[in-house]
Amino acid sequence: MVERRATLGLLAHLVMVLGVLTVAFPLYVAFVASTHTAQEIVQAPMPLLPGGHFWDNYAAALTGQGGGAGSNAPVGRMVWVSLVTALVIAFGKISVSLLSAFALVYFRFPFRSFFFWTVFVTLMLPVEVRIGPTYQVVSDLGLLNTYAGLTIPLIASATATFLFRQFFLTVPEELVEAARMDGAGPMRFFWDILLPLSKTSIAALFVIQFIYGWNQYLWPLLATTSEDMYPVVVGIKRMIAGGDSGNEWNIVMATAIMAMLPPAAVVILMQRWFVKGLVDSEK
């Protein structure tokens, strides 16, 4: 048995509190900056208490009424682009990975192992390695500044395919035999048995892939040149023009705070499913 000591418990809580403060303090500074004017932020020392321009700054950011030297695209539009992109990438990755894993596990076809390892090897090819040819293809197809151009190149996921394949391999063979005896075809077995069993894994992967899609920066930076198609992560970079005097940091910080809200909401709302999907082993 592990003996519980008051001093060790106090030390553990102290370490956790310090960790939370270390992570939360920059967020607090960003929030405080989003409630002041641009002139107040650049003063030394910067105020560490919220100001009285909360509604003005957030309204200016949402409607694109900032006066900075960088981009003044409406944050509401950028958040919408990021939301659509993240949802399409998350659902697309899960759908493609489910079907590909289903085919690799339950269908017998020539070179099945070869195709699996071909998919698996792509884990060693990050986006940066294939971004040049991918951009050329997207440009030739006229998909720049479109939702299709932002999402389709990022939908395939070797990681999700591998995880679903490993999960399907643990499904008891008796379920397959029972479905076959009941006259269920492959897709009926997929929809009525495999999908319900996979719901916790799907939920966990949805959280991961949504955040992955929301935080995309390099590919949208290349695939978008119009302010109407800026995701919010790219929009923040476009808002920063150069020196401090040319930027409205209060609007930039308000945009950064709003950019954190949707992924934070997804994690909070799906926390139980996310944890269950990572640790649940029931079949």
C-alpha atoms as a PDB file:
ATOM      1  CA  MET A   1       0.000   0.000   0.000  1.00  0.00           C
ATOM      2  CA  VAL A   2       1.068   3.556  -0.715  1.00  0.00           C
ATOM      3  CA  GLU A   3       1.217   5.651   2.420  1.00  0.00           C
ATOM      4  CA  ARG A   4      -0.364   9.077   2.156  1.00  0.00           C
ATOM      5  CA  ARG A   5       1.564  11.852   3.788  1.00  0.00           C
ATOM      6  CA  ALA A   6       0.252  15.338   4.369  1.00  0.00           C
ATOM      7  CA  THR A   7       3.540  16.936   3.304  1.00  0.00           C
ATOM      8  CA  LEU A   8       3.588  15.064  -0.031  1.00  0.00           C
ATOM      9  CA  GLY A   9      -0.025  16.003  -0.700  1.00  0.00           C
ATOM     10  CA  LEU A  10       0.705  19.647   0.076  1.00  0.00           C
ATOM     11  CA  LEU A  11       3.753  19.587  -2.201  1.00  0.00           C
ATOM     12  CA  ALA A  12       1.755  18.006  -5.032  1.00  0.00           C
ATOM     13  CA  HIS A  13      -0.962  20.651  -4.744  1.00  0.00           C
ATOM     14  CA  LEU A  14       1.655  23.405  -4.640  1.00  0.00           C
ATOM     15  CA  VAL A  15       3.246  22.113  -7.857  1.00  0.00           C
ATOM     16  CA  MET A  16      -0.179  21.957  -9.541  1.00  0.00           C
ATOM     17  CA  VAL A  17      -1.046  25.493  -8.451  1.00  0.00           C
ATOM     18  CA  LEU A  18       2.281  26.798  -9.775  1.00  0.00           C
ATOM     19  CA  GLY A  19       1.688  24.987 -13.061  1.00  0.00           C
ATOM     20  CA  VAL A  20      -1.802  26.458 -13.413  1.00  0.00           C
ATOM     21  CA  LEU A  21      -0.530  29.959 -12.641  1.00  0.00           C
ATOM     22  CA  THR A  22       2.293  29.585 -15.177  1.00  0.00           C
ATOM     23  CA  VAL A  23      -0.156  28.601 -17.906  1.00  0.00           C
ATOM     24  CA  ALA A  24      -2.957  30.981 -16.919  1.00  0.00           C
ATOM     25  CA  PHE A  25      -0.941  34.181 -16.402  1.00  0.00           C
ATOM     26  CA  PRO A  26      -0.263  34.837 -20.137  1.00  0.00           C
ATOM     27  CA  LEU A  27      -3.968  34.262 -20.820  1.00  0.00           C
ATOM     28  CA  TYR A  28      -4.851  36.736 -18.090  1.00  0.00           C
ATOM     29  CA  VAL A  29      -2.441  39.314 -19.540  1.00  0.00           C
ATOM     30  CA  ALA A  30      -4.008  38.846 -22.989  1.00  0.00           C
ATOM     31  CA  PHE A  31      -7.494  39.341 -21.524  1.00  0.00           C
ATOM     32  CA  VAL A  32      -6.418  42.455 -19.623  1.00  0.00           C
ATOM     33  CA  ALA A  33      -4.820  43.877 -22.775  1.00  0.00           C
ATOM     34  CA  SER A  34      -8.064  43.287 -24.676  1.00  0.00           C
ATOM     35  CA  THR A  35      -9.912  45.595 -22.265  1.00  0.00           C
ATOM     36  CA  HIS A  36      -7.620  48.645 -22.604  1.00  0.00           C
ATOM     37  CA  THR A  37      -6.859  51.099 -25.363  1.00  0.00           C
ATOM     38  CA  ALA A  38      -3.831  50.649 -27.596  1.00  0.00           C
ATOM     39  CA  GLN A  39      -2.109  53.618 -25.936  1.00  0.00           C
ATOM     40  CA  GLU A  40      -2.564  52.209 -22.429  1.00  0.00           C
ATOM     41  CA  ILE A  41      -1.076  48.841 -23.411  1.00  0.00           C
ATOM     42  CA  VAL A  42       2.211  50.231 -24.717  1.00  0.00           C
ATOM     43  CA  GLN A  43       2.790  52.263 -21.557  1.00  0.00           C
ATOM     44  CA  ALA A  44       5.362  51.024 -19.055  1.00  0.00           C
ATOM     45  CA  PRO A  45       4.364  49.322 -16.896  1.00  0.00           C
ATOM     46  CA  MET A  46       1.381  47.783 -18.636  1.00  0.00           C
ATOM     47  CA  PRO A  47      -1.818  47.742 -16.524  1.00  0.00           C
ATOM     48  CA  LEU A  48      -2.512  44.371 -14.890  1.00  0.00           C
ATOM     49  CA  LEU A  49      -6.148  45.071 -14.044  1.00  0.00           C
ATOM     50  CA  PRO A  50      -9.015  44.976 -16.587  1.00  0.00           C
ATOM     51  CA  GLY A  51      -9.929  48.281 -18.196  1.00  0.00           C
ATOM     52  CA  GLY A  52     -13.210  49.772 -19.295  1.00  0.00           C
ATOM     53  CA  HIS A  53     -13.046  49.161 -23.067  1.00  0.00           C
ATOM     54  CA  PHE A  54     -14.089  45.505 -23.120  1.00  0.00           C
ATOM     55  CA  TRP A  55     -17.199  45.893 -25.266  1.00  0.00           C
ATOM     56  CA  ASP A  56     -15.655  48.478 -27.580  1.00  0.00           C
ATOM     57  CA  ASN A  57     -12.592  46.351 -28.354  1.00  0.00           C
ATOM     58  CA  TYR A  58     -14.471  43.093 -28.878  1.00  0.00           C
ATOM     59  CA  ALA A  59     -17.113  44.780 -31.040  1.00  0.00           C
ATOM     60  CA  ALA A  60     -14.375  46.408 -33.148  1.00  0.00           C
ATOM     61  CA  ALA A  61     -12.624  43.048 -33.554  1.00  0.00           C
ATOM     62  CA  LEU A  62     -15.816  41.176 -34.491  1.00  0.00           C
ATOM     63  CA  THR A  63     -16.843  43.734 -37.110  1.00  0.00           C
ATOM     64  CA  GLY A  64     -13.367  44.535 -38.450  1.00  0.00           C
ATOM     65  CA  GLN A  65     -13.401  48.179 -37.406  1.00  0.00           C
ATOM     66  CA  GLY A  66      -9.859  48.289 -36.064  1.00  0.00           C
ATOM     67  CA  GLY A  67      -7.502  50.944 -37.322  1.00  0.00           C
ATOM     68  CA  GLY A  68      -4.226  49.039 -37.238  1.00  0.00           C
ATOM     69  CA  ALA A  69      -1.705  48.903 -40.056  1.00  0.00           C
ATOM     70  CA  GLY A  70      -2.312  45.171 -40.572  1.00  0.00           C
ATOM     71  CA  SER A  71      -5.390  43.296 -41.701  1.00  0.00           C
ATOM     72  CA  ASN A  72      -8.755  44.513 -40.409  1.00  0.00           C
ATOM     73  CA  ALA A  73     -10.794  41.504 -41.503  1.00  0.00           C
ATOM     74  CA  PRO A  74     -13.853  40.855 -39.288  1.00  0.00           C
ATOM     75  CA  VAL A  75     -13.063  38.299 -36.613  1.00  0.00           C
ATOM     76  CA  GLY A  76     -16.586  36.930 -36.871  1.00  0.00           C
ATOM     77  CA  ARG A  77     -15.896  35.877 -40.452  1.00  0.00           C
ATOM     78  CA  MET A  78     -12.485  34.417 -39.543  1.00  0.00           C
ATOM     79  CA  VAL A  79     -13.981  32.378 -36.696  1.00  0.00           C
ATOM     80  CA  TRP A  80     -16.630  31.044 -39.088  1.00  0.00           C
ATOM     81  CA  VAL A  81     -13.960  29.986 -41.602  1.00  0.00           C
ATOM     82  CA  SER A  82     -11.967  28.283 -38.835  1.00  0.00           C
ATOM     83  CA  LEU A  83     -15.086  26.546 -37.510  1.00  0.00           C
ATOM     84  CA  VAL A  84     -16.090  25.186 -40.918  1.00  0.00           C
ATOM     85  CA  THR A  85     -12.515  24.119 -41.645  1.00  0.00           C
ATOM     86  CA  ALA A  86     -12.070  22.372 -38.288  1.00  0.00           C
ATOM     87  CA  LEU A  87     -15.413  20.545 -38.516  1.00  0.00           C
ATOM     88  CA  VAL A  88     -14.837  19.370 -42.094  1.00  0.00           C
ATOM     89  CA  ILE A  89     -11.313  18.183 -41.260  1.00  0.00           C
ATOM     90  CA  ALA A  90     -12.480  16.386 -38.091  1.00  0.00           C
ATOM     91  CA  PHE A  91     -15.477  14.642 -39.671  1.00  0.00           C
ATOM     92  CA  GLY A  92     -13.566  13.963 -42.884  1.00  0.00           C
ATOM     93  CA  LYS A  93     -10.607  12.380 -41.091  1.00  0.00           C
ATOM     94  CA  ILE A  94     -12.872  10.220 -38.934  1.00  0.00           C
ATOM     95  CA  SER A  95     -15.039   9.090 -41.870  1.00  0.00           C
ATOM     96  CA  VAL A  96     -12.136   8.228 -44.158  1.00  0.00           C
ATOM     97  CA  SER A  97     -10.198   6.538 -41.346  1.00  0.00           C
ATOM     98  CA  LEU A  98     -13.179   4.443 -40.244  1.00  0.00           C
ATOM     99  CA  LEU A  99     -13.800   3.126 -43.746  1.00  0.00           C
ATOM    100  CA  SER A 100     -10.132   2.512 -44.508  1.00  0.00           C
ATOM    101  CA  ALA A 101      -9.576   0.685 -41.214  1.00  0.00           C
ATOM    102  CA  PHE A 102     -12.734  -1.352 -41.810  1.00  0.00           C
ATOM    103  CA  ALA A 103     -11.449  -2.416 -45.227  1.00  0.00           C
ATOM    104  CA  LEU A 104      -7.986  -3.280 -43.901  1.00  0.00           C
ATOM    105  CA  VAL A 105      -9.317  -5.452 -41.075  1.00  0.00           C
ATOM    106  CA  TYR A 106     -12.401  -7.181 -42.483  1.00  0.00           C
ATOM    107  CA  PHE A 107     -11.736  -7.525 -46.214  1.00  0.00           C
ATOM    108  CA  ARG A 108      -9.318  -9.962 -47.785  1.00  0.00           C
ATOM    109  CA  PHE A 109      -7.682  -8.504 -50.899  1.00  0.00           C
ATOM    110  CA  PRO A 110      -4.245  -8.770 -52.535  1.00  0.00           C
ATOM    111  CA  PHE A 111      -1.427  -6.729 -50.986  1.00  0.00           C
ATOM    112  CA  ARG A 112      -3.530  -5.796 -47.964  1.00  0.00           C
ATOM    113  CA  SER A 113      -0.482  -5.617 -45.685  1.00  0.00           C
ATOM    114  CA  PHE A 114       1.394  -3.573 -48.273  1.00  0.00           C
ATOM    115  CA  PHE A 115      -1.379  -0.978 -48.407  1.00  0.00           C
ATOM    116  CA  PHE A 116      -1.543  -0.810 -44.622  1.00  0.00           C
ATOM    117  CA  TRP A 117       2.189  -0.176 -44.306  1.00  0.00           C
ATOM    118  CA  THR A 118       1.978   2.350 -47.136  1.00  0.00           C
ATOM    119  CA  VAL A 119      -0.588   4.262 -45.105  1.00  0.00           C
ATOM    120  CA  PHE A 120       1.429   3.831 -41.918  1.00  0.00           C
ATOM    121  CA  VAL A 121       4.659   5.129 -43.489  1.00  0.00           C
ATOM    122  CA  THR A 122       2.955   8.453 -44.265  1.00  0.00           C
ATOM    123  CA  LEU A 123       3.212   9.194 -40.521  1.00  0.00           C
ATOM    124  CA  MET A 124       6.842  10.019 -41.233  1.00  0.00           C
ATOM    125  CA  LEU A 125       5.903  12.570 -43.898  1.00  0.00           C
ATOM    126  CA  PRO A 126       4.797  15.808 -42.225  1.00  0.00           C
ATOM    127  CA  VAL A 127       2.847  18.469 -44.072  1.00  0.00           C
ATOM    128  CA  GLU A 128       6.001  20.539 -44.582  1.00  0.00           C
ATOM    129  CA  VAL A 129       7.591  17.783 -46.698  1.00  0.00           C
ATOM    130  CA  ARG A 130       4.716  17.544 -49.197  1.00  0.00           C
ATOM    131  CA  ILE A 131       3.431  21.078 -49.004  1.00  0.00           C
ATOM    132  CA  GLY A 132       5.038  22.196 -52.304  1.00  0.00           C
ATOM    133  CA  PRO A 133       3.449  19.518 -54.528  1.00  0.00           C
ATOM    134  CA  THR A 134       0.170  19.822 -52.619  1.00  0.00           C
ATOM    135  CA  TYR A 135       0.062  23.572 -53.243  1.00  0.00           C
ATOM    136  CA  GLN A 136       0.769  23.005 -56.938  1.00  0.00           C
ATOM    137  CA  VAL A 137      -2.129  20.532 -57.232  1.00  0.00           C
ATOM    138  CA  VAL A 138      -4.550  22.772 -55.323  1.00  0.00           C
ATOM    139  CA  SER A 139      -3.531  25.778 -57.420  1.00  0.00           C
ATOM    140  CA  ASP A 140      -3.937  23.881 -60.710  1.00  0.00           C
ATOM    141  CA  LEU A 141      -7.430  22.779 -59.644  1.00  0.00           C
ATOM    142  CA  GLY A 142      -8.430  26.365 -58.819  1.00  0.00           C
ATOM    143  CA  LEU A 143      -9.061  25.578 -55.143  1.00  0.00           C
ATOM    144  CA  LEU A 144      -7.124  28.442 -53.586  1.00  0.00           C
ATOM    145  CA  ASN A 145      -9.256  30.634 -51.317  1.00  0.00           C
ATOM    146  CA  THR A 146     -11.918  27.921 -51.027  1.00  0.00           C
ATOM    147  CA  TYR A 147     -13.090  25.661 -48.233  1.00  0.00           C
ATOM    148  CA  ALA A 148     -12.204  22.645 -50.365  1.00  0.00           C
ATOM    149  CA  GLY A 149      -8.625  23.874 -50.745  1.00  0.00           C
ATOM    150  CA  LEU A 150      -8.342  24.429 -46.993  1.00  0.00           C
ATOM    151  CA  THR A 151      -9.703  21.037 -45.971  1.00  0.00           C
ATOM    152  CA  ILE A 152      -9.281  18.299 -48.595  1.00  0.00           C
ATOM    153  CA  PRO A 153      -5.441  18.155 -48.450  1.00  0.00           C
ATOM    154  CA  LEU A 154      -5.657  17.663 -44.662  1.00  0.00           C
ATOM    155  CA  ILE A 155      -8.426  15.059 -44.469  1.00  0.00           C
ATOM    156  CA  ALA A 156      -6.362  11.866 -44.834  1.00  0.00           C
ATOM    157  CA  SER A 157      -5.049  10.658 -41.468  1.00  0.00           C
ATOM    158  CA  ALA A 158      -2.715   7.704 -41.019  1.00  0.00           C
ATOM    159  CA  THR A 159      -2.878   8.104 -37.239  1.00  0.00           C
ATOM    160  CA  ALA A 160      -6.661   7.773 -37.061  1.00  0.00           C
ATOM    161  CA  THR A 161      -6.600   4.852 -39.519  1.00  0.00           C
ATOM    162  CA  PHE A 162      -4.041   3.064 -37.370  1.00  0.00           C
ATOM    163  CA  LEU A 163      -6.001   3.668 -34.155  1.00  0.00           C
ATOM    164  CA  PHE A 164      -9.284   2.443 -35.633  1.00  0.00           C
ATOM    165  CA  ARG A 165      -7.542  -0.587 -37.131  1.00  0.00           C
ATOM    166  CA  GLN A 166      -6.113  -1.530 -33.754  1.00  0.00           C
ATOM    167  CA  PHE A 167      -9.539  -1.106 -32.165  1.00  0.00           C
ATOM    168  CA  PHE A 168     -11.291  -3.219 -34.804  1.00  0.00           C
ATOM    169  CA  LEU A 169      -8.749  -6.003 -34.257  1.00  0.00           C
ATOM    170  CA  THR A 170      -9.931  -6.268 -30.639  1.00  0.00           C
ATOM    171  CA  VAL A 171     -13.598  -6.760 -31.598  1.00  0.00           C
ATOM    172  CA  PRO A 172     -14.508 -10.383 -30.782  1.00  0.00           C
ATOM    173  CA  GLU A 173     -14.732 -12.678 -33.794  1.00  0.00           C
ATOM    174  CA  GLU A 174     -18.013 -14.009 -32.381  1.00  0.00           C
ATOM    175  CA  LEU A 175     -19.710 -10.717 -33.269  1.00  0.00           C
ATOM    176  CA  VAL A 176     -18.605 -11.088 -36.881  1.00  0.00           C
ATOM    177  CA  GLU A 177     -19.876 -14.649 -37.015  1.00  0.00           C
ATOM    178  CA  ALA A 178     -23.192 -13.703 -35.389  1.00  0.00           C
ATOM    179  CA  ALA A 179     -23.728 -10.882 -37.863  1.00  0.00           C
ATOM    180  CA  ARG A 180     -22.922 -13.190 -40.754  1.00  0.00           C
ATOM    181  CA  MET A 181     -25.386 -15.814 -39.478  1.00  0.00           C
ATOM    182  CA  ASP A 182     -28.096 -13.152 -39.200  1.00  0.00           C
ATOM    183  CA  GLY A 183     -27.570 -12.292 -42.856  1.00  0.00           C
ATOM    184  CA  ALA A 184     -25.978  -8.903 -42.250  1.00  0.00           C
ATOM    185  CA  GLY A 185     -23.813  -7.638 -45.089  1.00  0.00           C
ATOM    186  CA  PRO A 186     -20.519  -5.783 -44.628  1.00  0.00           C
ATOM    187  CA  MET A 187     -22.035  -2.296 -44.428  1.00  0.00           C
ATOM    188  CA  ARG A 188     -24.841  -3.473 -42.124  1.00  0.00           C
ATOM    189  CA  PHE A 189     -22.190  -4.929 -39.818  1.00  0.00           C
ATOM    190  CA  PHE A 190     -20.255  -1.664 -40.047  1.00  0.00           C
ATOM    191  CA  TRP A 191     -23.239   0.591 -39.233  1.00  0.00           C
ATOM    192  CA  ASP A 192     -25.010  -1.541 -36.608  1.00  0.00           C
ATOM    193  CA  ILE A 193     -22.081  -3.090 -34.738  1.00  0.00           C
ATOM    194  CA  LEU A 194     -18.735  -1.410 -35.372  1.00  0.00           C
ATOM    195  CA  LEU A 195     -19.906   2.218 -35.225  1.00  0.00           C
ATOM    196  CA  PRO A 196     -21.740   1.875 -31.872  1.00  0.00           C
ATOM    197  CA  LEU A 197     -18.701   0.121 -30.417  1.00  0.00           C
ATOM    198  CA  SER A 198     -16.432   2.882 -31.720  1.00  0.00           C
ATOM    199  CA  LYS A 199     -18.385   5.877 -30.412  1.00  0.00           C
ATOM    200  CA  THR A 200     -16.013   6.672 -27.541  1.00  0.00           C
ATOM    201  CA  SER A 201     -12.967   6.385 -29.807  1.00  0.00           C
ATOM    202  CA  ILE A 202     -14.711   8.608 -32.371  1.00  0.00           C
ATOM    203  CA  ALA A 203     -15.443  11.205 -29.691  1.00  0.00           C
ATOM    204  CA  ALA A 204     -11.825  11.250 -28.496  1.00  0.00           C
ATOM    205  CA  LEU A 205     -10.515  11.551 -32.050  1.00  0.00           C
ATOM    206  CA  PHE A 206     -13.039  14.287 -32.827  1.00  0.00           C
ATOM    207  CA  VAL A 207     -11.631  16.458 -30.044  1.00  0.00           C
ATOM    208  CA  ILE A 208      -8.066  15.880 -31.217  1.00  0.00           C
ATOM    209  CA  GLN A 209      -8.828  16.443 -34.894  1.00  0.00           C
ATOM    210  CA  PHE A 210     -11.022  19.511 -34.264  1.00  0.00           C
ATOM    211  CA  ILE A 211      -8.194  21.209 -32.386  1.00  0.00           C
ATOM    212  CA  TYR A 212      -5.767  20.074 -35.089  1.00  0.00           C
ATOM    213  CA  GLY A 213      -7.935  21.656 -37.777  1.00  0.00           C
ATOM    214  CA  TRP A 214      -8.576  24.814 -35.760  1.00  0.00           C
ATOM    215  CA  ASN A 215      -4.869  25.423 -35.109  1.00  0.00           C
ATOM    216  CA  GLN A 216      -3.742  24.944 -38.706  1.00  0.00           C
ATOM    217  CA  TYR A 217      -1.438  27.793 -39.707  1.00  0.00           C
ATOM    218  CA  LEU A 218       1.111  26.901 -42.389  1.00  0.00           C
ATOM    219  CA  TRP A 219      -1.241  25.407 -44.965  1.00  0.00           C
ATOM    220  CA  PRO A 220      -3.952  28.128 -44.670  1.00  0.00           C
ATOM    221  CA  LEU A 221      -1.188  30.738 -44.852  1.00  0.00           C
ATOM    222  CA  LEU A 222      -0.318  29.445 -48.331  1.00  0.00           C
ATOM    223  CA  ALA A 223      -3.797  28.483 -49.527  1.00  0.00           C
ATOM    224  CA  THR A 224      -5.519  31.802 -48.708  1.00  0.00           C
ATOM    225  CA  THR A 225      -4.784  35.237 -50.097  1.00  0.00           C
ATOM    226  CA  SER A 226      -8.209  36.810 -49.610  1.00  0.00           C
ATOM    227  CA  GLU A 227      -9.259  38.306 -46.276  1.00  0.00           C
ATOM    228  CA  ASP A 228     -12.654  36.612 -46.624  1.00  0.00           C
ATOM    229  CA  MET A 229     -10.994  33.189 -46.304  1.00  0.00           C
ATOM    230  CA  TYR A 230      -8.528  33.855 -43.480  1.00  0.00           C
ATOM    231  CA  PRO A 231      -8.856  31.371 -40.596  1.00  0.00           C
ATOM    232  CA  VAL A 232      -8.574  33.110 -37.265  1.00  0.00           C
ATOM    233  CA  VAL A 233      -5.033  31.805 -36.576  1.00  0.00           C
ATOM    234  CA  VAL A 234      -3.798  33.278 -39.860  1.00  0.00           C
ATOM    235  CA  GLY A 235      -5.879  36.405 -39.265  1.00  0.00           C
ATOM    236  CA  ILE A 236      -4.051  37.136 -36.022  1.00  0.00           C
ATOM    237  CA  LYS A 237      -0.724  37.028 -37.859  1.00  0.00           C
ATOM    238  CA  ARG A 238      -2.075  39.267 -40.630  1.00  0.00           C
ATOM    239  CA  MET A 239      -3.211  41.813 -38.038  1.00  0.00           C
ATOM    240  CA  ILE A 240       0.364  42.288 -36.816  1.00  0.00           C
ATOM    241  CA  ALA A 241       2.051  44.617 -39.302  1.00  0.00           C
ATOM    242  CA  GLY A 242       5.369  45.456 -37.696  1.00  0.00           C
ATOM    243  CA  GLY A 243       6.314  47.859 -34.929  1.00  0.00           C
ATOM    244  CA  ASP A 244       4.210  48.386 -31.839  1.00  0.00           C
ATOM    245  CA  SER A 245       3.072  51.813 -32.992  1.00  0.00           C
ATOM    246  CA  GLY A 246       1.391  50.390 -36.097  1.00  0.00           C
ATOM    247  CA  ASN A 247      -0.597  47.692 -34.309  1.00  0.00           C
ATOM    248  CA  GLU A 248      -3.703  47.908 -32.196  1.00  0.00           C
ATOM    249  CA  TRP A 249      -2.692  45.322 -29.644  1.00  0.00           C
ATOM    250  CA  ASN A 250      -5.982  45.590 -27.813  1.00  0.00           C
ATOM    251  CA  ILE A 251      -7.803  44.362 -30.945  1.00  0.00           C
ATOM    252  CA  VAL A 252      -5.172  41.683 -31.550  1.00  0.00           C
ATOM    253  CA  MET A 253      -5.531  40.392 -27.998  1.00  0.00           C
ATOM    254  CA  ALA A 254      -9.322  40.453 -28.216  1.00  0.00           C
ATOM    255  CA  THR A 255      -9.037  38.356 -31.375  1.00  0.00           C
ATOM    256  CA  ALA A 256      -6.676  35.924 -29.633  1.00  0.00           C
ATOM    257  CA  ILE A 257      -9.091  35.489 -26.727  1.00  0.00           C
ATOM    258  CA  MET A 258     -12.014  34.808 -29.079  1.00  0.00           C
ATOM    259  CA  ALA A 259      -9.864  32.361 -31.060  1.00  0.00           C
ATOM    260  CA  MET A 260      -9.360  30.269 -27.912  1.00  0.00           C
ATOM    261  CA  LEU A 261     -13.039  29.989 -27.002  1.00  0.00           C
ATOM    262  CA  PRO A 262     -14.340  27.394 -29.546  1.00  0.00           C
ATOM    263  CA  PRO A 263     -11.607  24.761 -28.976  1.00  0.00           C
ATOM    264  CA  ALA A 264     -11.831  25.327 -25.232  1.00  0.00           C
ATOM    265  CA  ALA A 265     -15.611  24.810 -25.399  1.00  0.00           C
ATOM    266  CA  VAL A 266     -15.169  21.577 -27.378  1.00  0.00           C
ATOM    267  CA  VAL A 267     -12.681  20.207 -24.836  1.00  0.00           C
ATOM    268  CA  ILE A 268     -14.864  21.163 -21.858  1.00  0.00           C
ATOM    269  CA  LEU A 269     -18.120  19.847 -23.338  1.00  0.00           C
ATOM    270  CA  MET A 270     -16.575  16.580 -24.548  1.00  0.00           C
ATOM    271  CA  GLN A 271     -14.113  16.028 -21.725  1.00  0.00           C
ATOM    272  CA  ARG A 272     -15.919  12.971 -20.349  1.00  0.00           C
ATOM    273  CA  TRP A 273     -16.155  11.329 -23.771  1.00  0.00           C
ATOM    274  CA  PHE A 274     -12.567  12.256 -24.562  1.00  0.00           C
ATOM    275  CA  VAL A 275     -11.160  10.625 -21.440  1.00  0.00           C
ATOM    276  CA  LYS A 276     -13.422   7.590 -21.811  1.00  0.00           C
ATOM    277  CA  GLY A 277     -12.338   7.143 -25.411  1.00  0.00           C
ATOM    278  CA  LEU A 278      -8.683   7.074 -24.391  1.00  0.00           C
ATOM    279  CA  VAL A 279      -9.003   4.650 -21.467  1.00  0.00           C
ATOM    280  CA  ASP A 280     -12.139   2.596 -22.144  1.00  0.00           C
ATOM    281  CA  SER A 281     -11.441  -1.013 -23.052  1.00  0.00           C
ATOM    282  CA  GLU A 282     -14.978  -2.429 -22.875  1.00  0.00           C
ATOM    283  CA  LYS A 283     -16.300  -4.131 -25.976  1.00  0.00           C
END
